[in-house]
C-alpha atoms as a PDB file:
ATOM      1  CA  MET A   1      33.252 -32.193 -10.153  1.00  0.00           C
ATOM      2  CA  ALA A   2      33.794 -35.623 -11.761  1.00  0.00           C
ATOM      3  CA  LYS A   3      30.417 -36.695 -10.678  1.00  0.00           C
ATOM      4  CA  GLU A   4      29.072 -33.166 -11.007  1.00  0.00           C
ATOM      5  CA  SER A   5      30.558 -33.169 -14.754  1.00  0.00           C
ATOM      6  CA  ASP A   6      29.181 -36.491 -15.592  1.00  0.00           C
ATOM      7  CA  SER A   7      25.127 -35.508 -14.829  1.00  0.00           C
ATOM      8  CA  ASN A   8      26.480 -31.657 -16.217  1.00  0.00           C
ATOM      9  CA  LYS A   9      26.894 -33.336 -19.499  1.00  0.00           C
ATOM     10  CA  VAL A  10      23.672 -35.646 -19.124  1.00  0.00           C
ATOM     11  CA  ILE A  11      21.716 -32.172 -18.685  1.00  0.00           C
ATOM     12  CA  VAL A  12      23.610 -30.127 -21.263  1.00  0.00           C
ATOM     13  CA  ASP A  13      23.096 -33.297 -23.502  1.00  0.00           C
ATOM     14  CA  ASP A  14      19.350 -33.359 -23.151  1.00  0.00           C
ATOM     15  CA  VAL A  15      18.862 -29.617 -23.297  1.00  0.00           C
ATOM     16  CA  LEU A  16      21.144 -29.582 -26.873  1.00  0.00           C
ATOM     17  CA  ASP A  17      19.136 -32.373 -28.217  1.00  0.00           C
ATOM     18  CA  GLY A  18      15.924 -30.352 -27.170  1.00  0.00           C
ATOM     19  CA  ASP A  19      14.616 -33.542 -24.304  1.00  0.00           C
ATOM     20  CA  LYS A  20      14.873 -31.033 -21.759  1.00  0.00           C
ATOM     21  CA  GLN A  21      14.082 -27.391 -21.960  1.00  0.00           C
ATOM     22  CA  ILE A  22      15.905 -24.413 -20.998  1.00  0.00           C
ATOM     23  CA  PRO A  23      13.865 -22.887 -17.980  1.00  0.00           C
ATOM     24  CA  ALA A  24      12.551 -19.745 -18.267  1.00  0.00           C
ATOM     25  CA  GLY A  25      14.964 -16.768 -16.908  1.00  0.00           C
ATOM     26  CA  ILE A  26      18.069 -19.189 -18.682  1.00  0.00           C
ATOM     27  CA  ASN A  27      18.479 -17.671 -22.065  1.00  0.00           C
ATOM     28  CA  CYS A  28      21.244 -18.973 -24.502  1.00  0.00           C
ATOM     29  CA  GLU A  29      23.729 -16.401 -24.036  1.00  0.00           C
ATOM     30  CA  THR A  30      23.549 -17.528 -20.284  1.00  0.00           C
ATOM     31  CA  LEU A  31      23.881 -21.412 -21.357  1.00  0.00           C
ATOM     32  CA  GLU A  32      26.867 -20.534 -23.250  1.00  0.00           C
ATOM     33  CA  HIS A  33      28.650 -18.974 -20.262  1.00  0.00           C
ATOM     34  CA  ALA A  34      28.168 -21.743 -18.103  1.00  0.00           C
ATOM     35  CA  LEU A  35      29.042 -24.121 -21.091  1.00  0.00           C
ATOM     36  CA  LEU A  36      32.295 -21.562 -21.641  1.00  0.00           C
ATOM     37  CA  TYR A  37      32.811 -22.219 -17.553  1.00  0.00           C
ATOM     38  CA  LEU A  38      32.549 -26.052 -18.151  1.00  0.00           C
ATOM     39  CA  GLY A  39      34.879 -26.061 -20.933  1.00  0.00           C
ATOM     40  CA  HIS A  40      37.408 -24.027 -19.451  1.00  0.00           C
ATOM     41  CA  HIS A  41      37.465 -26.258 -16.109  1.00  0.00           C
ATOM     42  CA  LYS A  42      37.425 -29.521 -18.207  1.00  0.00           C
ATOM     43  CA  GLY A  43      35.819 -31.920 -15.891  1.00  0.00           C
ATOM     44  CA  VAL A  44      38.299 -30.799 -13.154  1.00  0.00           C
ATOM     45  CA  GLU A  45      36.479 -29.049 -10.275  1.00  0.00           C
ATOM     46  CA  PRO A  46      38.294 -25.635  -9.240  1.00  0.00           C
ATOM     47  CA  ASP A  47      39.747 -25.283  -5.829  1.00  0.00           C
ATOM     48  CA  PRO A  48      36.787 -23.617  -3.114  1.00  0.00           C
ATOM     49  CA  LEU A  49      36.209 -20.394  -2.463  1.00  0.00           C
ATOM     50  CA  PRO A  50      37.117 -19.126   1.105  1.00  0.00           C
ATOM     51  CA  VAL A  51      34.164 -18.576   2.986  1.00  0.00           C
ATOM     52  CA  PRO A  52      33.531 -15.556   4.385  1.00  0.00           C
ATOM     53  CA  VAL A  53      34.860 -13.771   1.507  1.00  0.00           C
ATOM     54  CA  ARG A  54      37.433 -11.522   3.007  1.00  0.00           C
ATOM     55  CA  SER A  55      38.161  -9.194  -0.119  1.00  0.00           C
ATOM     56  CA  ILE A  56      36.330  -7.025  -3.116  1.00  0.00           C
ATOM     57  CA  HIS A  57      38.842  -8.380  -5.709  1.00  0.00           C
ATOM     58  CA  MET A  58      37.914 -11.183  -7.156  1.00  0.00           C
ATOM     59  CA  SER A  59      41.613 -11.942  -7.826  1.00  0.00           C
ATOM     60  CA  GLN A  60      42.416 -12.024  -4.811  1.00  0.00           C
ATOM     61  CA  ILE A  61      39.758 -14.893  -4.060  1.00  0.00           C
ATOM     62  CA  CYS A  62      39.797 -17.333  -6.842  1.00  0.00           C
ATOM     63  CA  SER A  63      42.876 -19.432  -7.089  1.00  0.00           C
ATOM     64  CA  ASP A  64      42.311 -19.550 -11.166  1.00  0.00           C
ATOM     65  CA  LYS A  65      43.155 -16.049 -12.529  1.00  0.00           C
ATOM     66  CA  TRP A  66      40.850 -16.999 -15.455  1.00  0.00           C
ATOM     67  CA  ASP A  67      37.708 -17.183 -13.398  1.00  0.00           C
ATOM     68  CA  ALA A  68      38.188 -13.988 -11.713  1.00  0.00           C
ATOM     69  CA  ASP A  69      38.573 -12.282 -14.922  1.00  0.00           C
ATOM     70  CA  TRP A  70      36.038 -14.190 -16.312  1.00  0.00           C
ATOM     71  CA  ILE A  71      33.172 -13.156 -13.448  1.00  0.00           C
ATOM     72  CA  ASP A  72      34.785  -9.952 -13.103  1.00  0.00           C
ATOM     73  CA  ALA A  73      33.401  -8.955 -16.882  1.00  0.00           C
ATOM     74  CA  PHE A  74      29.642  -9.929 -16.127  1.00  0.00           C
ATOM     75  CA  ASP A  75      27.246  -7.203 -14.799  1.00  0.00           C
ATOM     76  CA  LYS A  76      24.377  -8.085 -11.902  1.00  0.00           C
ATOM     77  CA  LYS A  77      22.237  -9.139 -14.187  1.00  0.00           C
ATOM     78  CA  THR A  78      24.217 -11.503 -16.026  1.00  0.00           C
ATOM     79  CA  ILE A  79      25.912 -12.756 -12.876  1.00  0.00           C
ATOM     80  CA  PHE A  80      22.167 -13.990 -11.274  1.00  0.00           C
ATOM     81  CA  GLU A  81      21.428 -15.528 -14.856  1.00  0.00           C
ATOM     82  CA  VAL A  82      24.633 -17.396 -14.403  1.00  0.00           C
ATOM     83  CA  ILE A  83      23.973 -18.734 -10.906  1.00  0.00           C
ATOM     84  CA  LEU A  84      20.615 -19.277 -11.889  1.00  0.00           C
ATOM     85  CA  ALA A  85      21.828 -21.707 -14.487  1.00  0.00           C
ATOM     86  CA  GLY A  86      24.718 -22.781 -12.326  1.00  0.00           C
ATOM     87  CA  ASN A  87      21.793 -23.622 -10.084  1.00  0.00           C
ATOM     88  CA  TYR A  88      19.886 -25.365 -12.720  1.00  0.00           C
ATOM     89  CA  LEU A  89      22.541 -27.468 -14.335  1.00  0.00           C
ATOM     90  CA  ASP A  90      23.686 -28.647 -10.723  1.00  0.00           C
ATOM     91  CA  ILE A  91      27.155 -26.863 -11.115  1.00  0.00           C
ATOM     92  CA  LYS A  92      27.925 -25.902  -7.535  1.00  0.00           C
ATOM     93  CA  CYS A  93      31.241 -24.330  -8.149  1.00  0.00           C
ATOM     94  CA  LEU A  94      29.992 -21.773 -10.646  1.00  0.00           C
ATOM     95  CA  VAL A  95      26.783 -20.986  -8.073  1.00  0.00           C
ATOM     96  CA  HIS A  96      29.502 -20.345  -5.549  1.00  0.00           C
ATOM     97  CA  LEU A  97      31.684 -18.697  -8.226  1.00  0.00           C
ATOM     98  CA  GLY A  98      28.681 -16.353  -8.655  1.00  0.00           C
ATOM     99  CA  CYS A  99      27.956 -15.651  -5.078  1.00  0.00           C
ATOM    100  CA  ALA A 100      31.278 -15.130  -4.356  1.00  0.00           C
ATOM    101  CA  LYS A 101      31.269 -12.289  -6.404  1.00  0.00           C
ATOM    102  CA  ILE A 102      28.024 -11.156  -5.621  1.00  0.00           C
ATOM    103  CA  ALA A 103      29.182 -11.075  -1.970  1.00  0.00           C
ATOM    104  CA  THR A 104      32.381  -8.589  -3.244  1.00  0.00           C
ATOM    105  CA  LEU A 105      30.024  -6.005  -4.727  1.00  0.00           C
ATOM    106  CA  ILE A 106      27.965  -6.377  -2.025  1.00  0.00           C
ATOM    107  CA  LYS A 107      31.038  -5.326   0.508  1.00  0.00           C
ATOM    108  CA  GLN A 108      31.870  -2.728  -1.198  1.00  0.00           C
ATOM    109  CA  LEU A 109      28.767  -0.895  -0.491  1.00  0.00           C
ATOM    110  CA  ASP A 110      28.567   1.378   2.546  1.00  0.00           C
ATOM    111  CA  GLN A 111      25.114   1.162   5.185  1.00  0.00           C
ATOM    112  CA  GLN A 112      22.992   3.777   3.440  1.00  0.00           C
ATOM    113  CA  GLU A 113      23.341   2.196   0.154  1.00  0.00           C
ATOM    114  CA  ILE A 114      22.233  -1.163   1.610  1.00  0.00           C
ATOM    115  CA  ASN A 115      19.469   0.254   3.280  1.00  0.00           C
ATOM    116  CA  ARG A 116      18.474   1.817   0.331  1.00  0.00           C
ATOM    117  CA  ILE A 117      18.525  -1.100  -1.527  1.00  0.00           C
ATOM    118  CA  ILE A 118      16.493  -3.057   0.724  1.00  0.00           C
ATOM    119  CA  GLU A 119      13.873  -0.401   1.159  1.00  0.00           C
ATOM    120  CA  GLU A 120      13.572  -0.328  -2.535  1.00  0.00           C
ATOM    121  CA  GLU A 121      13.018  -4.252  -2.481  1.00  0.00           C
ATOM    122  CA  GLU A 122      10.538  -4.215   0.265  1.00  0.00           C
ATOM    123  CA  ARG A 123       8.760  -0.820  -1.578  1.00  0.00           C
ATOM    124  CA  TYR A 124       8.598  -3.194  -4.939  1.00  0.00           C
ATOM    125  CA  ARG A 125       7.145  -6.260  -3.144  1.00  0.00           C
ATOM    126  CA  ARG A 126       4.300  -4.187  -1.637  1.00  0.00           C
ATOM    127  CA  GLU A 127       4.036  -2.671  -4.302  1.00  0.00           C
ATOM    128  CA  GLN A 128       3.591  -6.306  -6.147  1.00  0.00           C
ATOM    129  CA  ALA A 129       1.050  -7.299  -3.398  1.00  0.00           C
ATOM    130  CA  GLN A 130      -1.127  -4.433  -4.088  1.00  0.00           C
ATOM    131  CA  GLN A 131      -1.045  -5.130  -7.796  1.00  0.00           C
ATOM    132  CA  GLN A 132      -1.770  -8.432  -7.061  1.00  0.00           C
ATOM    133  CA  ALA A 133      -4.666  -8.075  -4.853  1.00  0.00           C
ATOM    134  CA  ILE A 134      -6.037  -5.256  -7.289  1.00  0.00           C
ATOM    135  CA  GLN A 135      -6.011  -7.870 -10.190  1.00  0.00           C
ATOM    136  CA  SER A 136      -7.464 -10.366  -7.951  1.00  0.00           C
ATOM    137  CA  GLY A 137     -10.189  -8.029  -6.710  1.00  0.00           C
ATOM    138  CA  GLN A 138     -10.985  -7.167 -10.624  1.00  0.00           C
ATOM    139  CA  GLN A 139     -10.864 -10.842 -11.633  1.00  0.00           C
ATOM    140  CA  ASP A 140     -13.699 -11.549  -8.908  1.00  0.00           C
ATOM    141  CA  SER A 141     -15.547  -8.768 -10.145  1.00  0.00           C
ATOM    142  CA  VAL A 142     -15.829  -9.686 -13.553  1.00  0.00           C
ATOM    143  CA  PHE A 143     -16.403 -13.507 -12.673  1.00  0.00           C
ATOM    144  CA  GLY A 144     -18.964 -11.989 -10.129  1.00  0.00           C
ATOM    145  CA  LEU A 145     -16.912 -13.522  -7.209  1.00  0.00           C
ATOM    146  CA  THR A 146     -16.946 -10.358  -4.876  1.00  0.00           C
ATOM    147  CA  GLY A 147     -19.356 -11.805  -2.134  1.00  0.00           C
ATOM    148  CA  ASN A 148     -20.487  -8.672  -1.233  1.00  0.00           C
ATOM    149  CA  ASN A 149     -23.590  -8.721  -2.414  1.00  0.00           C
ATOM    150  CA  ASP A 150     -24.298 -11.697   0.239  1.00  0.00           C
ATOM    151  CA  ASN A 151     -22.773  -9.950   2.956  1.00  0.00           C
ATOM    152  CA  ASN A 152     -24.835  -6.645   1.958  1.00  0.00           C
ATOM    153  CA  ASP A 153     -28.070  -8.111   2.026  1.00  0.00           C
ATOM    154  CA  ASN A 154     -27.241  -9.946   5.305  1.00  0.00           C
ATOM    155  CA  ASP A 155     -26.210  -6.563   6.911  1.00  0.00           C
ATOM    156  CA  ASP A 156     -29.362  -4.825   5.547  1.00  0.00           C
ATOM    157  CA  ASN A 157     -31.374  -7.967   6.808  1.00  0.00           C
ATOM    158  CA  ASP A 158     -29.170  -7.154  10.382  1.00  0.00           C
ATOM    159  CA  ASP A 159     -30.164  -3.342  10.224  1.00  0.00           C
ATOM    160  CA  THR A 160     -33.414  -4.307  10.023  1.00  0.00           C
ATOM    161  CA  ASN A 161     -33.193  -6.846  12.629  1.00  0.00           C
ATOM    162  CA  ASP A 162     -31.481  -3.975  15.127  1.00  0.00           C
ATOM    163  CA  ASN A 163     -34.320  -1.306  13.761  1.00  0.00           C
ATOM    164  CA  ASN A 164     -36.999  -3.742  15.371  1.00  0.00           C
ATOM    165  CA  ASP A 165     -35.023  -4.416  18.400  1.00  0.00           C
ATOM    166  CA  ASN A 166     -34.391  -0.648  18.937  1.00  0.00           C
ATOM    167  CA  ASN A 167     -38.707  -0.292  18.336  1.00  0.00           C
ATOM    168  CA  GLU A 168     -38.856  -2.762  21.135  1.00  0.00           C
ATOM    169  CA  ASN A 169     -36.641  -1.250  23.580  1.00  0.00           C
ATOM    170  CA  ASN A 170     -38.339   2.028  22.980  1.00  0.00           C
ATOM    171  CA  ASP A 171     -41.796   0.393  23.731  1.00  0.00           C
ATOM    172  CA  ASP A 172     -40.537  -0.975  26.355  1.00  0.00           C
ATOM    173  CA  ASN A 173     -38.928   1.824  28.026  1.00  0.00           C
ATOM    174  CA  HIS A 174     -41.970   3.916  27.918  1.00  0.00           C
ATOM    175  CA  ASP A 175     -43.882   1.401  29.471  1.00  0.00           C
ATOM    176  CA  ASP A 176     -41.795   1.519  31.977  1.00  0.00           C
ATOM    177  CA  ASN A 177     -42.121   5.271  32.306  1.00  0.00           C
ATOM    178  CA  ASP A 178     -45.706   4.648  32.575  1.00  0.00           C
ATOM    179  CA  ASN A 179     -45.161   2.133  35.298  1.00  0.00           C
ATOM    180  CA  ASN A 180     -42.923   4.764  37.322  1.00  0.00           C
ATOM    181  CA  GLU A 181     -45.548   7.529  36.718  1.00  0.00           C
ATOM    182  CA  GLU A 182     -48.134   4.928  38.306  1.00  0.00           C
ATOM    183  CA  LEU A 183     -45.736   4.370  41.232  1.00  0.00           C
ATOM    184  CA  LEU A 184     -45.492   7.694  41.947  1.00  0.00           C
ATOM    185  CA  GLY A 185     -49.020   8.352  41.899  1.00  0.00           C
ATOM    186  CA  LEU A 186     -49.137  10.423  38.686  1.00  0.00           C
ATOM    187  CA  ASP A 187     -51.103  10.255  36.088  1.00  0.00           C
ATOM    188  CA  GLN A 188     -50.670  11.479  32.273  1.00  0.00           C
ATOM    189  CA  ASP A 189     -52.506  14.740  32.991  1.00  0.00           C
ATOM    190  CA  GLU A 190     -50.301  15.684  35.960  1.00  0.00           C
ATOM    191  CA  ASN A 191     -47.154  14.867  34.087  1.00  0.00           C
ATOM    192  CA  ASP A 192     -47.734  17.380  31.194  1.00  0.00           C
ATOM    193  CA  ASN A 193     -48.082  20.295  33.708  1.00  0.00           C
ATOM    194  CA  ILE A 194     -44.563  19.417  35.380  1.00  0.00           C
END
């Protein structure tokens, strides 16, 4: 964490000086959490966390009790925000701590609950895709970019051509019938009597 803490100091100083903006999704409170974590460790990298996570209790995973208590205090949303902040600030040990906490939360779920969460996420993504498609279509129609008018004109021309082709085919069929009648030696009057 020696190199990591040097680069973190530069990034944090840039953010505090206003030279670098805090990215969207990382609020000041989350940045404070990251700074508190860095302040606790004072440039010393904590022991790596075991992989895979074998417990649902952070106190059994972390060698530093403070880390376990600190991350356990957050709700899921805050944990994800801390992970994003750690990633942005390039604090790998903070990202690993947050991911380990999420892993413990997942380990506590039964398979049905995991499936439910996955299904909700898939449903949400489908709804978002549909909304984007609808919005895209509305924007296109507002700007006249639907392209349907051109296609409809071509379809009308195709229909007209198809009708002409059908009429020609009908004429050809009528001519064929006349030829067949001639071959059979029937004239039109005799055909009407049959």
